[in-house]
Amino acid sequence: SQALRFDSHFESGNLLRAIQIGPNEFELHLETDDDATSNFFSDYSTHKRSPSYWFYFSVENLRVGESYTFHVTGFSNIESLFGNT
């Protein structure tokens, strides 16, 4: 069987890396908005890194009848998503 293929090399794709941690279990690291736009900043020392609020990537070679677990990391905390600010 073929290994899963993760891809985010398209507009708005933000998967930085996928690491297999079990037979059908993967840890997915998101690229922050800062990573995607870092070329626009000339002074990295004054630019604070921020978490992602979304994810967008594709996965190929999934097998019918198989279950998969994806642990997506790099999201913002729940307070900033649902807070009143």
PDB file of N, CA and C in Angstrom:
ATOM      1  N   SER A   1       0.837  -1.191   0.000  1.00  0.00           N
ATOM      2  CA  SER A   1       0.000   0.000   0.000  1.00  0.00           C
ATOM      3  C   SER A   1       0.877   1.248   0.000  1.00  0.00           C
ATOM      4  N   GLN A   2       0.364   2.301  -0.579  1.00  0.00           N
ATOM      5  CA  GLN A   2       1.115   3.550  -0.671  1.00  0.00           C
ATOM      6  C   GLN A   2       0.970   4.374   0.602  1.00  0.00           C
ATOM      7  N   ALA A   3       2.010   5.127   0.919  1.00  0.00           N
ATOM      8  CA  ALA A   3       1.978   6.028   2.065  1.00  0.00           C
ATOM      9  C   ALA A   3       1.048   7.196   1.769  1.00  0.00           C
ATOM     10  N   LEU A   4       0.492   7.766   2.827  1.00  0.00           N
ATOM     11  CA  LEU A   4      -0.336   8.955   2.637  1.00  0.00           C
ATOM     12  C   LEU A   4       0.529  10.085   2.108  1.00  0.00           C
ATOM     13  N   ARG A   5      -0.068  10.902   1.282  1.00  0.00           N
ATOM     14  CA  ARG A   5       0.642  12.056   0.712  1.00  0.00           C
ATOM     15  C   ARG A   5      -0.101  13.320   1.128  1.00  0.00           C
ATOM     16  N   PHE A   6       0.564  14.157   1.905  1.00  0.00           N
ATOM     17  CA  PHE A   6       0.010  15.429   2.351  1.00  0.00           C
ATOM     18  C   PHE A   6       0.542  16.528   1.450  1.00  0.00           C
ATOM     19  N   ASP A   7      -0.308  17.492   1.122  1.00  0.00           N
ATOM     20  CA  ASP A   7       0.112  18.575   0.233  1.00  0.00           C
ATOM     21  C   ASP A   7      -0.568  19.875   0.646  1.00  0.00           C
ATOM     22  N   SER A   8       0.187  20.951   0.618  1.00  0.00           N
ATOM     23  CA  SER A   8      -0.391  22.282   0.840  1.00  0.00           C
ATOM     24  C   SER A   8       0.283  23.311  -0.066  1.00  0.00           C
ATOM     25  N   HIS A   9       0.870  22.827  -1.161  1.00  0.00           N
ATOM     26  CA  HIS A   9       1.530  23.724  -2.101  1.00  0.00           C
ATOM     27  C   HIS A   9       0.520  24.272  -3.106  1.00  0.00           C
ATOM     28  N   PHE A  10      -0.422  25.032  -2.574  1.00  0.00           N
ATOM     29  CA  PHE A  10      -1.419  25.718  -3.388  1.00  0.00           C
ATOM     30  C   PHE A  10      -1.853  26.947  -2.610  1.00  0.00           C
ATOM     31  N   GLU A  11      -2.558  27.846  -3.257  1.00  0.00           N
ATOM     32  CA  GLU A  11      -2.938  29.107  -2.622  1.00  0.00           C
ATOM     33  C   GLU A  11      -3.682  28.862  -1.318  1.00  0.00           C
ATOM     34  N   SER A  12      -3.227  29.475  -0.255  1.00  0.00           N
ATOM     35  CA  SER A  12      -3.776  29.401   1.100  1.00  0.00           C
ATOM     36  C   SER A  12      -3.456  28.096   1.825  1.00  0.00           C
ATOM     37  N   GLY A  13      -2.744  27.179   1.205  1.00  0.00           N
ATOM     38  CA  GLY A  13      -2.343  25.952   1.897  1.00  0.00           C
ATOM     39  C   GLY A  13      -1.389  26.296   3.029  1.00  0.00           C
ATOM     40  N   ASN A  14      -1.572  25.666   4.198  1.00  0.00           N
ATOM     41  CA  ASN A  14      -0.744  26.056   5.341  1.00  0.00           C
ATOM     42  C   ASN A  14      -0.251  24.888   6.191  1.00  0.00           C
ATOM     43  N   LEU A  15      -0.062  23.722   5.596  1.00  0.00           N
ATOM     44  CA  LEU A  15       0.514  22.604   6.346  1.00  0.00           C
ATOM     45  C   LEU A  15       2.035  22.695   6.247  1.00  0.00           C
ATOM     46  N   LEU A  16       2.675  22.812   7.388  1.00  0.00           N
ATOM     47  CA  LEU A  16       4.133  22.928   7.422  1.00  0.00           C
ATOM     48  C   LEU A  16       4.797  21.554   7.333  1.00  0.00           C
ATOM     49  N   ARG A  17       4.300  20.585   8.134  1.00  0.00           N
ATOM     50  CA  ARG A  17       4.852  19.229   8.083  1.00  0.00           C
ATOM     51  C   ARG A  17       3.861  18.240   8.676  1.00  0.00           C
ATOM     52  N   ALA A  18       3.958  17.005   8.239  1.00  0.00           N
ATOM     53  CA  ALA A  18       3.164  15.891   8.769  1.00  0.00           C
ATOM     54  C   ALA A  18       4.128  14.823   9.260  1.00  0.00           C
ATOM     55  N   ILE A  19       3.936  14.383  10.486  1.00  0.00           N
ATOM     56  CA  ILE A  19       4.801  13.377  11.089  1.00  0.00           C
ATOM     57  C   ILE A  19       3.943  12.174  11.467  1.00  0.00           C
ATOM     58  N   GLN A  20       4.310  11.014  10.981  1.00  0.00           N
ATOM     59  CA  GLN A  20       3.569   9.803  11.332  1.00  0.00           C
ATOM     60  C   GLN A  20       4.012   9.345  12.717  1.00  0.00           C
ATOM     61  N   ILE A  21       3.036   9.208  13.639  1.00  0.00           N
ATOM     62  CA  ILE A  21       3.355   8.819  15.010  1.00  0.00           C
ATOM     63  C   ILE A  21       2.742   7.470  15.378  1.00  0.00           C
ATOM     64  N   GLY A  22       2.014   6.866  14.462  1.00  0.00           N
ATOM     65  CA  GLY A  22       1.408   5.554  14.656  1.00  0.00           C
ATOM     66  C   GLY A  22       1.022   5.001  13.299  1.00  0.00           C
ATOM     67  N   PRO A  23       0.485   3.778  13.254  1.00  0.00           N
ATOM     68  CA  PRO A  23       0.135   3.173  11.962  1.00  0.00           C
ATOM     69  C   PRO A  23      -0.772   4.053  11.095  1.00  0.00           C
ATOM     70  N   ASN A  24      -1.799   4.628  11.667  1.00  0.00           N
ATOM     71  CA  ASN A  24      -2.711   5.529  10.948  1.00  0.00           C
ATOM     72  C   ASN A  24      -2.906   6.820  11.730  1.00  0.00           C
ATOM     73  N   GLU A  25      -1.857   7.277  12.390  1.00  0.00           N
ATOM     74  CA  GLU A  25      -1.939   8.460  13.242  1.00  0.00           C
ATOM     75  C   GLU A  25      -0.831   9.436  12.857  1.00  0.00           C
ATOM     76  N   PHE A  26      -1.229  10.702  12.725  1.00  0.00           N
ATOM     77  CA  PHE A  26      -0.302  11.715  12.232  1.00  0.00           C
ATOM     78  C   PHE A  26      -0.404  12.980  13.060  1.00  0.00           C
ATOM     79  N   GLU A  27       0.733  13.603  13.295  1.00  0.00           N
ATOM     80  CA  GLU A  27       0.787  14.916  13.921  1.00  0.00           C
ATOM     81  C   GLU A  27       1.033  15.919  12.803  1.00  0.00           C
ATOM     82  N   LEU A  28       0.109  16.864  12.661  1.00  0.00           N
ATOM     83  CA  LEU A  28       0.178  17.846  11.578  1.00  0.00           C
ATOM     84  C   LEU A  28       0.509  19.209  12.162  1.00  0.00           C
ATOM     85  N   HIS A  29       1.582  19.810  11.678  1.00  0.00           N
ATOM     86  CA  HIS A  29       2.015  21.122  12.147  1.00  0.00           C
ATOM     87  C   HIS A  29       1.631  22.165  11.099  1.00  0.00           C
ATOM     88  N   LEU A  30       0.879  23.154  11.544  1.00  0.00           N
ATOM     89  CA  LEU A  30       0.432  24.205  10.632  1.00  0.00           C
ATOM     90  C   LEU A  30       1.472  25.303  10.521  1.00  0.00           C
ATOM     91  N   GLU A  31       1.534  25.886   9.359  1.00  0.00           N
ATOM     92  CA  GLU A  31       2.352  27.069   9.133  1.00  0.00           C
ATOM     93  C   GLU A  31       1.557  28.253   9.671  1.00  0.00           C
ATOM     94  N   THR A  32       2.184  29.073  10.496  1.00  0.00           N
ATOM     95  CA  THR A  32       1.478  30.239  11.014  1.00  0.00           C
ATOM     96  C   THR A  32       1.320  31.276   9.911  1.00  0.00           C
ATOM     97  N   ASP A  33       0.427  32.207  10.123  1.00  0.00           N
ATOM     98  CA  ASP A  33       0.272  33.297   9.158  1.00  0.00           C
ATOM     99  C   ASP A  33       1.580  34.052   9.014  1.00  0.00           C
ATOM    100  N   ASP A  34       2.355  34.125  10.099  1.00  0.00           N
ATOM    101  CA  ASP A  34       3.649  34.800  10.060  1.00  0.00           C
ATOM    102  C   ASP A  34       4.631  34.059   9.174  1.00  0.00           C
ATOM    103  N   ASP A  35       4.626  32.716   9.228  1.00  0.00           N
ATOM    104  CA  ASP A  35       5.514  31.924   8.373  1.00  0.00           C
ATOM    105  C   ASP A  35       5.215  32.190   6.909  1.00  0.00           C
ATOM    106  N   ALA A  36       3.944  32.263   6.577  1.00  0.00           N
ATOM    107  CA  ALA A  36       3.533  32.428   5.190  1.00  0.00           C
ATOM    108  C   ALA A  36       3.853  33.809   4.651  1.00  0.00           C
ATOM    109  N   THR A  37       3.913  34.802   5.544  1.00  0.00           N
ATOM    110  CA  THR A  37       4.118  36.171   5.081  1.00  0.00           C
ATOM    111  C   THR A  37       5.443  36.754   5.557  1.00  0.00           C
ATOM    112  N   SER A  38       6.350  35.914   6.061  1.00  0.00           N
ATOM    113  CA  SER A  38       7.583  36.429   6.663  1.00  0.00           C
ATOM    114  C   SER A  38       8.441  37.200   5.673  1.00  0.00           C
ATOM    115  N   ASN A  39       8.303  36.958   4.386  1.00  0.00           N
ATOM    116  CA  ASN A  39       9.099  37.695   3.403  1.00  0.00           C
ATOM    117  C   ASN A  39       8.758  39.179   3.378  1.00  0.00           C
ATOM    118  N   PHE A  40       7.605  39.542   3.935  1.00  0.00           N
ATOM    119  CA  PHE A  40       7.197  40.940   3.941  1.00  0.00           C
ATOM    120  C   PHE A  40       7.793  41.712   5.107  1.00  0.00           C
ATOM    121  N   PHE A  41       8.419  41.017   6.065  1.00  0.00           N
ATOM    122  CA  PHE A  41       8.944  41.676   7.251  1.00  0.00           C
ATOM    123  C   PHE A  41      10.461  41.712   7.183  1.00  0.00           C
ATOM    124  N   SER A  42      11.023  42.885   7.356  1.00  0.00           N
ATOM    125  CA  SER A  42      12.474  43.003   7.293  1.00  0.00           C
ATOM    126  C   SER A  42      13.104  42.859   8.668  1.00  0.00           C
ATOM    127  N   ASP A  43      12.373  43.142   9.732  1.00  0.00           N
ATOM    128  CA  ASP A  43      12.915  43.043  11.087  1.00  0.00           C
ATOM    129  C   ASP A  43      12.175  41.948  11.843  1.00  0.00           C
ATOM    130  N   TYR A  44      12.715  40.727  11.812  1.00  0.00           N
ATOM    131  CA  TYR A  44      12.050  39.588  12.447  1.00  0.00           C
ATOM    132  C   TYR A  44      12.032  39.710  13.964  1.00  0.00           C
ATOM    133  N   SER A  45      12.989  40.421  14.537  1.00  0.00           N
ATOM    134  CA  SER A  45      13.084  40.491  15.992  1.00  0.00           C
ATOM    135  C   SER A  45      11.916  41.252  16.609  1.00  0.00           C
ATOM    136  N   THR A  46      11.290  42.149  15.882  1.00  0.00           N
ATOM    137  CA  THR A  46      10.178  42.918  16.441  1.00  0.00           C
ATOM    138  C   THR A  46       8.826  42.347  16.033  1.00  0.00           C
ATOM    139  N   HIS A  47       8.837  41.289  15.243  1.00  0.00           N
ATOM    140  CA  HIS A  47       7.579  40.712  14.760  1.00  0.00           C
ATOM    141  C   HIS A  47       7.222  39.493  15.604  1.00  0.00           C
ATOM    142  N   LYS A  48       6.107  39.560  16.307  1.00  0.00           N
ATOM    143  CA  LYS A  48       5.669  38.469  17.170  1.00  0.00           C
ATOM    144  C   LYS A  48       4.961  37.392  16.351  1.00  0.00           C
ATOM    145  N   ARG A  49       5.321  36.129  16.574  1.00  0.00           N
ATOM    146  CA  ARG A  49       4.688  35.015  15.868  1.00  0.00           C
ATOM    147  C   ARG A  49       3.274  34.828  16.392  1.00  0.00           C
ATOM    148  N   SER A  50       2.359  34.501  15.497  1.00  0.00           N
ATOM    149  CA  SER A  50       0.978  34.290  15.900  1.00  0.00           C
ATOM    150  C   SER A  50       0.507  32.920  15.431  1.00  0.00           C
ATOM    151  N   PRO A  51      -0.471  32.345  16.123  1.00  0.00           N
ATOM    152  CA  PRO A  51      -0.983  31.031  15.738  1.00  0.00           C
ATOM    153  C   PRO A  51      -1.907  31.122  14.535  1.00  0.00           C
ATOM    154  N   SER A  52      -2.215  29.974  13.961  1.00  0.00           N
ATOM    155  CA  SER A  52      -3.164  29.909  12.846  1.00  0.00           C
ATOM    156  C   SER A  52      -4.583  29.822  13.377  1.00  0.00           C
ATOM    157  N   TYR A  53      -5.531  30.252  12.571  1.00  0.00           N
ATOM    158  CA  TYR A  53      -6.944  30.185  12.916  1.00  0.00           C
ATOM    159  C   TYR A  53      -7.687  29.258  11.967  1.00  0.00           C
ATOM    160  N   TRP A  54      -6.986  28.590  11.069  1.00  0.00           N
ATOM    161  CA  TRP A  54      -7.616  27.751  10.049  1.00  0.00           C
ATOM    162  C   TRP A  54      -6.589  26.741   9.540  1.00  0.00           C
ATOM    163  N   PHE A  55      -7.035  25.771   8.775  1.00  0.00           N
ATOM    164  CA  PHE A  55      -6.116  24.855   8.107  1.00  0.00           C
ATOM    165  C   PHE A  55      -6.650  24.546   6.716  1.00  0.00           C
ATOM    166  N   TYR A  56      -5.710  24.268   5.806  1.00  0.00           N
ATOM    167  CA  TYR A  56      -6.080  23.980   4.424  1.00  0.00           C
ATOM    168  C   TYR A  56      -4.963  23.164   3.795  1.00  0.00           C
ATOM    169  N   PHE A  57      -5.229  21.881   3.551  1.00  0.00           N
ATOM    170  CA  PHE A  57      -4.262  20.990   2.922  1.00  0.00           C
ATOM    171  C   PHE A  57      -5.024  19.807   2.340  1.00  0.00           C
ATOM    172  N   SER A  58      -4.351  19.001   1.552  1.00  0.00           N
ATOM    173  CA  SER A  58      -4.987  17.804   0.986  1.00  0.00           C
ATOM    174  C   SER A  58      -4.237  16.562   1.440  1.00  0.00           C
ATOM    175  N   VAL A  59      -4.951  15.435   1.423  1.00  0.00           N
ATOM    176  CA  VAL A  59      -4.358  14.142   1.767  1.00  0.00           C
ATOM    177  C   VAL A  59      -4.762  13.156   0.681  1.00  0.00           C
ATOM    178  N   GLU A  60      -3.791  12.447   0.137  1.00  0.00           N
ATOM    179  CA  GLU A  60      -4.054  11.446  -0.894  1.00  0.00           C
ATOM    180  C   GLU A  60      -3.660  10.057  -0.385  1.00  0.00           C
ATOM    181  N   ASN A  61      -4.143   9.034  -1.049  1.00  0.00           N
ATOM    182  CA  ASN A  61      -3.851   7.630  -0.773  1.00  0.00           C
ATOM    183  C   ASN A  61      -4.525   7.098   0.491  1.00  0.00           C
ATOM    184  N   LEU A  62      -5.624   7.743   0.915  1.00  0.00           N
ATOM    185  CA  LEU A  62      -6.403   7.196   2.023  1.00  0.00           C
ATOM    186  C   LEU A  62      -7.034   5.888   1.563  1.00  0.00           C
ATOM    187  N   ARG A  63      -7.092   4.913   2.453  1.00  0.00           N
ATOM    188  CA  ARG A  63      -7.648   3.605   2.114  1.00  0.00           C
ATOM    189  C   ARG A  63      -9.081   3.490   2.626  1.00  0.00           C
ATOM    190  N   VAL A  64      -9.975   3.025   1.777  1.00  0.00           N
ATOM    191  CA  VAL A  64     -11.380   2.841   2.140  1.00  0.00           C
ATOM    192  C   VAL A  64     -11.468   1.860   3.300  1.00  0.00           C
ATOM    193  N   GLY A  65     -12.281   2.189   4.305  1.00  0.00           N
ATOM    194  CA  GLY A  65     -12.472   1.312   5.450  1.00  0.00           C
ATOM    195  C   GLY A  65     -11.466   1.513   6.568  1.00  0.00           C
ATOM    196  N   GLU A  66     -10.419   2.295   6.332  1.00  0.00           N
ATOM    197  CA  GLU A  66      -9.404   2.585   7.349  1.00  0.00           C
ATOM    198  C   GLU A  66      -9.803   3.842   8.120  1.00  0.00           C
ATOM    199  N   SER A  67      -9.454   3.877   9.405  1.00  0.00           N
ATOM    200  CA  SER A  67      -9.644   5.078  10.226  1.00  0.00           C
ATOM    201  C   SER A  67      -8.293   5.759  10.400  1.00  0.00           C
ATOM    202  N   TYR A  68      -8.314   7.067  10.418  1.00  0.00           N
ATOM    203  CA  TYR A  68      -7.098   7.851  10.572  1.00  0.00           C
ATOM    204  C   TYR A  68      -7.308   8.876  11.677  1.00  0.00           C
ATOM    205  N   THR A  69      -6.236   9.181  12.382  1.00  0.00           N
ATOM    206  CA  THR A  69      -6.272  10.215  13.411  1.00  0.00           C
ATOM    207  C   THR A  69      -5.253  11.273  13.048  1.00  0.00           C
ATOM    208  N   PHE A  70      -5.710  12.541  12.998  1.00  0.00           N
ATOM    209  CA  PHE A  70      -4.841  13.677  12.716  1.00  0.00           C
ATOM    210  C   PHE A  70      -4.850  14.609  13.919  1.00  0.00           C
ATOM    211  N   HIS A  71      -3.680  14.855  14.484  1.00  0.00           N
ATOM    212  CA  HIS A  71      -3.518  15.806  15.581  1.00  0.00           C
ATOM    213  C   HIS A  71      -2.992  17.096  14.955  1.00  0.00           C
ATOM    214  N   VAL A  72      -3.832  18.100  14.847  1.00  0.00           N
ATOM    215  CA  VAL A  72      -3.450  19.356  14.194  1.00  0.00           C
ATOM    216  C   VAL A  72      -2.938  20.313  15.257  1.00  0.00           C
ATOM    217  N   THR A  73      -1.699  20.781  15.091  1.00  0.00           N
ATOM    218  CA  THR A  73      -1.094  21.696  16.053  1.00  0.00           C
ATOM    219  C   THR A  73      -0.878  23.058  15.416  1.00  0.00           C
ATOM    220  N   GLY A  74      -0.836  24.081  16.256  1.00  0.00           N
ATOM    221  CA  GLY A  74      -0.547  25.420  15.777  1.00  0.00           C
ATOM    222  C   GLY A  74      -1.755  26.332  15.742  1.00  0.00           C
ATOM    223  N   PHE A  75      -2.897  25.853  16.269  1.00  0.00           N
ATOM    224  CA  PHE A  75      -4.081  26.713  16.319  1.00  0.00           C
ATOM    225  C   PHE A  75      -3.965  27.715  17.454  1.00  0.00           C
ATOM    226  N   SER A  76      -4.759  28.773  17.365  1.00  0.00           N
ATOM    227  CA  SER A  76      -4.815  29.734  18.461  1.00  0.00           C
ATOM    228  C   SER A  76      -5.597  29.116  19.604  1.00  0.00           C
ATOM    229  N   ASN A  77      -5.569  29.762  20.760  1.00  0.00           N
ATOM    230  CA  ASN A  77      -6.313  29.219  21.896  1.00  0.00           C
ATOM    231  C   ASN A  77      -7.801  29.519  21.756  1.00  0.00           C
ATOM    232  N   ILE A  78      -8.599  28.784  22.480  1.00  0.00           N
ATOM    233  CA  ILE A  78     -10.049  28.862  22.378  1.00  0.00           C
ATOM    234  C   ILE A  78     -10.582  30.245  22.747  1.00  0.00           C
ATOM    235  N   GLU A  79      -9.913  30.946  23.678  1.00  0.00           N
ATOM    236  CA  GLU A  79     -10.387  32.254  24.095  1.00  0.00           C
ATOM    237  C   GLU A  79     -10.384  33.259  22.950  1.00  0.00           C
ATOM    238  N   SER A  80      -9.351  33.235  22.132  1.00  0.00           N
ATOM    239  CA  SER A  80      -9.288  34.200  21.051  1.00  0.00           C
ATOM    240  C   SER A  80     -10.252  33.846  19.919  1.00  0.00           C
ATOM    241  N   LEU A  81     -10.634  32.571  19.820  1.00  0.00           N
ATOM    242  CA  LEU A  81     -11.595  32.197  18.789  1.00  0.00           C
ATOM    243  C   LEU A  81     -13.018  32.578  19.156  1.00  0.00           C
ATOM    244  N   PHE A  82     -13.356  32.424  20.444  1.00  0.00           N
ATOM    245  CA  PHE A  82     -14.737  32.632  20.858  1.00  0.00           C
ATOM    246  C   PHE A  82     -14.903  33.736  21.881  1.00  0.00           C
ATOM    247  N   GLY A  83     -13.853  34.487  22.112  1.00  0.00           N
ATOM    248  CA  GLY A  83     -13.922  35.577  23.087  1.00  0.00           C
ATOM    249  C   GLY A  83     -14.712  36.755  22.531  1.00  0.00           C
ATOM    250  N   ASN A  84     -14.961  37.712  23.384  1.00  0.00           N
ATOM    251  CA  ASN A  84     -15.720  38.907  22.998  1.00  0.00           C
ATOM    252  C   ASN A  84     -14.828  40.029  22.513  1.00  0.00           C
ATOM    253  N   THR A  85     -13.548  39.782  22.329  1.00  0.00           N
ATOM    254  CA  THR A  85     -12.650  40.859  21.892  1.00  0.00           C
ATOM    255  C   THR A  85     -12.508  40.881  20.404  1.00  0.00           C
TER     256      THR A  85
END
